[in-house]
N, C-alpha and C. Protein backbone atom coordinates (compact mmCIF):
# COMPACT_ATOMS: atom_id res chain seq x y z
N UNK A 1 12.05 5.83 -0.19
CA UNK A 1 12.82 6.76 0.61
C UNK A 1 13.98 6.02 1.28
N UNK A 2 15.11 6.65 1.28
CA UNK A 2 16.27 6.12 1.98
C UNK A 2 16.47 6.94 3.26
N UNK A 3 16.13 6.34 4.40
CA UNK A 3 16.23 7.09 5.65
C UNK A 3 17.66 7.53 5.94
N UNK A 4 18.63 6.85 5.39
CA UNK A 4 20.04 7.20 5.62
C UNK A 4 20.40 8.59 5.09
N UNK A 5 19.57 9.11 4.20
CA UNK A 5 19.78 10.47 3.70
C UNK A 5 19.34 11.51 4.72
N UNK A 6 18.62 11.07 5.76
CA UNK A 6 18.04 12.01 6.72
C UNK A 6 18.40 11.73 8.18
N UNK A 7 18.76 10.49 8.49
CA UNK A 7 19.08 10.10 9.86
C UNK A 7 20.56 9.74 9.92
N UNK A 8 21.26 10.35 10.89
CA UNK A 8 22.69 10.10 11.03
C UNK A 8 23.02 9.84 12.50
N UNK A 9 24.19 9.28 12.70
CA UNK A 9 24.69 9.07 14.06
C UNK A 9 26.14 9.52 14.10
N UNK A 10 26.43 10.44 14.98
CA UNK A 10 27.77 11.00 15.13
C UNK A 10 28.09 11.02 16.62
N UNK A 11 29.15 10.33 17.01
CA UNK A 11 29.46 10.23 18.45
C UNK A 11 29.71 11.59 19.09
N UNK A 12 29.93 12.62 18.28
CA UNK A 12 30.14 13.97 18.80
C UNK A 12 28.82 14.73 19.02
N UNK A 13 27.72 14.16 18.53
CA UNK A 13 26.41 14.81 18.68
C UNK A 13 25.50 13.87 19.47
N UNK A 14 25.06 14.34 20.62
CA UNK A 14 24.17 13.58 21.50
C UNK A 14 24.68 12.17 21.76
N UNK A 15 25.96 12.07 22.00
CA UNK A 15 26.68 10.81 22.27
C UNK A 15 26.36 9.68 21.29
N UNK A 16 26.10 10.07 20.05
CA UNK A 16 25.90 9.08 19.00
C UNK A 16 24.47 8.65 18.77
N UNK A 17 23.51 9.25 19.48
CA UNK A 17 22.11 8.91 19.23
C UNK A 17 21.75 9.27 17.79
N UNK A 18 20.89 8.49 17.16
CA UNK A 18 20.45 8.85 15.80
C UNK A 18 19.73 10.19 15.84
N UNK A 19 20.11 11.08 14.92
CA UNK A 19 19.53 12.41 14.85
C UNK A 19 19.12 12.72 13.41
N UNK A 20 18.29 13.75 13.28
CA UNK A 20 17.95 14.25 11.96
C UNK A 20 19.18 14.98 11.43
N UNK A 21 19.59 14.62 10.24
CA UNK A 21 20.80 15.18 9.63
C UNK A 21 20.78 16.71 9.66
N UNK A 22 21.90 17.30 10.11
CA UNK A 22 22.03 18.75 10.15
C UNK A 22 21.40 19.40 11.37
N UNK A 23 20.90 18.57 12.31
CA UNK A 23 20.28 19.09 13.52
C UNK A 23 20.80 18.33 14.74
N UNK A 24 20.36 18.76 15.90
CA UNK A 24 20.60 18.02 17.14
C UNK A 24 19.28 17.42 17.63
N UNK A 25 18.35 17.23 16.71
CA UNK A 25 17.05 16.67 17.04
C UNK A 25 17.13 15.15 16.88
N UNK A 26 16.96 14.45 17.99
CA UNK A 26 17.11 12.99 17.95
C UNK A 26 15.83 12.30 17.50
N UNK A 27 16.00 11.12 16.95
CA UNK A 27 14.88 10.26 16.61
C UNK A 27 14.07 10.01 17.88
N UNK A 28 14.77 9.78 18.96
CA UNK A 28 14.13 9.54 20.25
C UNK A 28 13.21 10.69 20.65
N UNK A 29 13.66 11.93 20.48
CA UNK A 29 12.85 13.09 20.83
C UNK A 29 11.58 13.14 19.98
N UNK A 30 11.72 12.92 18.69
CA UNK A 30 10.56 12.96 17.80
C UNK A 30 9.53 11.91 18.23
N UNK A 31 9.99 10.70 18.52
CA UNK A 31 9.08 9.64 18.94
C UNK A 31 8.46 9.96 20.29
N UNK A 32 9.24 10.54 21.19
CA UNK A 32 8.70 10.91 22.50
C UNK A 32 7.60 11.96 22.36
N UNK A 33 7.84 12.97 21.54
CA UNK A 33 6.83 14.01 21.33
C UNK A 33 5.54 13.43 20.79
N UNK A 34 5.66 12.57 19.79
CA UNK A 34 4.47 11.94 19.21
C UNK A 34 3.76 11.06 20.24
N UNK A 35 4.53 10.38 21.08
CA UNK A 35 3.92 9.46 22.05
C UNK A 35 3.15 10.18 23.15
N UNK A 36 3.48 11.45 23.38
CA UNK A 36 2.76 12.20 24.42
C UNK A 36 1.67 13.10 23.82
N UNK A 37 1.42 12.92 22.53
CA UNK A 37 0.28 13.61 21.94
C UNK A 37 0.57 14.79 21.03
N UNK A 38 1.84 15.10 20.80
CA UNK A 38 2.13 16.18 19.87
C UNK A 38 1.68 15.78 18.47
N UNK A 39 1.19 16.75 17.73
CA UNK A 39 0.83 16.52 16.33
C UNK A 39 2.03 16.86 15.46
N UNK A 40 1.96 16.44 14.21
CA UNK A 40 3.01 16.82 13.27
C UNK A 40 3.10 18.34 13.19
N UNK A 41 1.96 18.99 13.16
CA UNK A 41 1.95 20.45 13.07
C UNK A 41 2.70 21.08 14.25
N UNK A 42 2.47 20.57 15.44
CA UNK A 42 3.15 21.10 16.63
C UNK A 42 4.67 20.90 16.52
N UNK A 43 5.06 19.74 16.03
CA UNK A 43 6.50 19.47 15.87
C UNK A 43 7.12 20.43 14.87
N UNK A 44 6.46 20.61 13.72
CA UNK A 44 7.00 21.50 12.69
C UNK A 44 7.03 22.95 13.15
N UNK A 45 6.07 23.36 13.95
CA UNK A 45 6.08 24.72 14.48
C UNK A 45 7.21 24.92 15.49
N UNK A 46 7.48 23.91 16.29
CA UNK A 46 8.52 24.01 17.32
C UNK A 46 9.92 23.77 16.75
N UNK A 47 10.00 22.99 15.70
CA UNK A 47 11.28 22.65 15.07
C UNK A 47 11.19 22.92 13.56
N UNK A 48 11.24 24.19 13.17
CA UNK A 48 10.99 24.55 11.77
C UNK A 48 11.99 23.99 10.77
N UNK A 49 13.13 23.50 11.24
CA UNK A 49 14.10 22.92 10.30
C UNK A 49 13.68 21.54 9.84
N UNK A 50 12.77 20.90 10.57
CA UNK A 50 12.31 19.58 10.19
C UNK A 50 11.36 19.66 9.00
N UNK A 51 11.40 18.65 8.18
CA UNK A 51 10.50 18.55 7.03
C UNK A 51 9.64 17.30 7.16
N UNK A 52 8.61 17.22 6.34
CA UNK A 52 7.79 16.02 6.31
C UNK A 52 8.63 14.80 5.95
N UNK A 53 9.57 14.99 5.06
CA UNK A 53 10.45 13.89 4.67
C UNK A 53 11.31 13.43 5.84
N UNK A 54 11.79 14.37 6.65
CA UNK A 54 12.55 13.99 7.84
C UNK A 54 11.71 13.13 8.77
N UNK A 55 10.46 13.53 8.95
CA UNK A 55 9.57 12.79 9.84
C UNK A 55 9.31 11.39 9.28
N UNK A 56 9.11 11.29 7.98
CA UNK A 56 8.93 9.98 7.36
C UNK A 56 10.18 9.13 7.52
N UNK A 57 11.35 9.77 7.47
CA UNK A 57 12.61 9.04 7.64
C UNK A 57 12.72 8.45 9.04
N UNK A 58 12.20 9.16 10.04
CA UNK A 58 12.21 8.63 11.41
C UNK A 58 11.47 7.29 11.44
N UNK A 59 10.30 7.24 10.80
CA UNK A 59 9.52 6.01 10.81
C UNK A 59 10.16 4.92 9.95
N UNK A 60 10.77 5.29 8.85
CA UNK A 60 11.47 4.31 8.02
C UNK A 60 12.65 3.72 8.79
N UNK A 61 13.37 4.56 9.53
CA UNK A 61 14.48 4.09 10.35
C UNK A 61 13.97 3.13 11.42
N UNK A 62 12.91 3.52 12.11
CA UNK A 62 12.34 2.68 13.16
C UNK A 62 11.86 1.34 12.60
N UNK A 63 11.21 1.38 11.46
CA UNK A 63 10.74 0.15 10.82
C UNK A 63 11.90 -0.79 10.54
N UNK A 64 12.98 -0.25 10.00
CA UNK A 64 14.14 -1.09 9.68
C UNK A 64 14.78 -1.65 10.95
N UNK A 65 14.83 -0.85 12.00
CA UNK A 65 15.38 -1.33 13.27
C UNK A 65 14.58 -2.52 13.78
N UNK A 66 13.27 -2.41 13.70
CA UNK A 66 12.42 -3.51 14.17
C UNK A 66 12.58 -4.74 13.28
N UNK A 67 12.69 -4.53 11.99
CA UNK A 67 12.88 -5.65 11.07
C UNK A 67 14.18 -6.39 11.37
N UNK A 68 15.19 -5.67 11.82
CA UNK A 68 16.48 -6.27 12.10
C UNK A 68 16.67 -6.59 13.58
N UNK A 69 15.54 -6.55 14.31
CA UNK A 69 15.51 -6.89 15.72
C UNK A 69 16.44 -6.04 16.58
N UNK A 70 16.55 -4.74 16.20
CA UNK A 70 17.33 -3.82 17.00
C UNK A 70 16.39 -3.12 17.99
N UNK A 71 15.80 -3.90 18.85
CA UNK A 71 14.87 -3.38 19.84
C UNK A 71 14.98 -4.24 21.09
N UNK A 72 14.33 -3.82 22.12
CA UNK A 72 14.32 -4.58 23.37
C UNK A 72 13.05 -5.41 23.42
N UNK A 73 13.18 -6.75 23.40
CA UNK A 73 11.99 -7.61 23.44
C UNK A 73 11.18 -7.34 24.73
N UNK A 74 9.88 -7.43 24.59
CA UNK A 74 8.99 -7.26 25.74
C UNK A 74 8.87 -8.60 26.46
N UNK A 75 8.95 -8.58 27.76
CA UNK A 75 8.77 -9.81 28.51
C UNK A 75 7.31 -9.93 28.92
N UNK A 76 6.81 -11.14 28.91
CA UNK A 76 5.39 -11.36 29.22
C UNK A 76 5.13 -11.44 30.70
């Protein structure tokens, strides 16, 4: 899967935050929902434009960011 087919950044949409292509749904929002206990089913019911592939793209994007050290290191 190429996450670039599903995740985009446009400075005119959410000040350039990565979003699901064709929506104003940010990667950050998807991760926040999952982190507070939302299930995939809940996300798809609330955001019917999202697909399973879009959700997989969020994780592929996040994985690549971590691989390229585009994250904030944790201090001990």
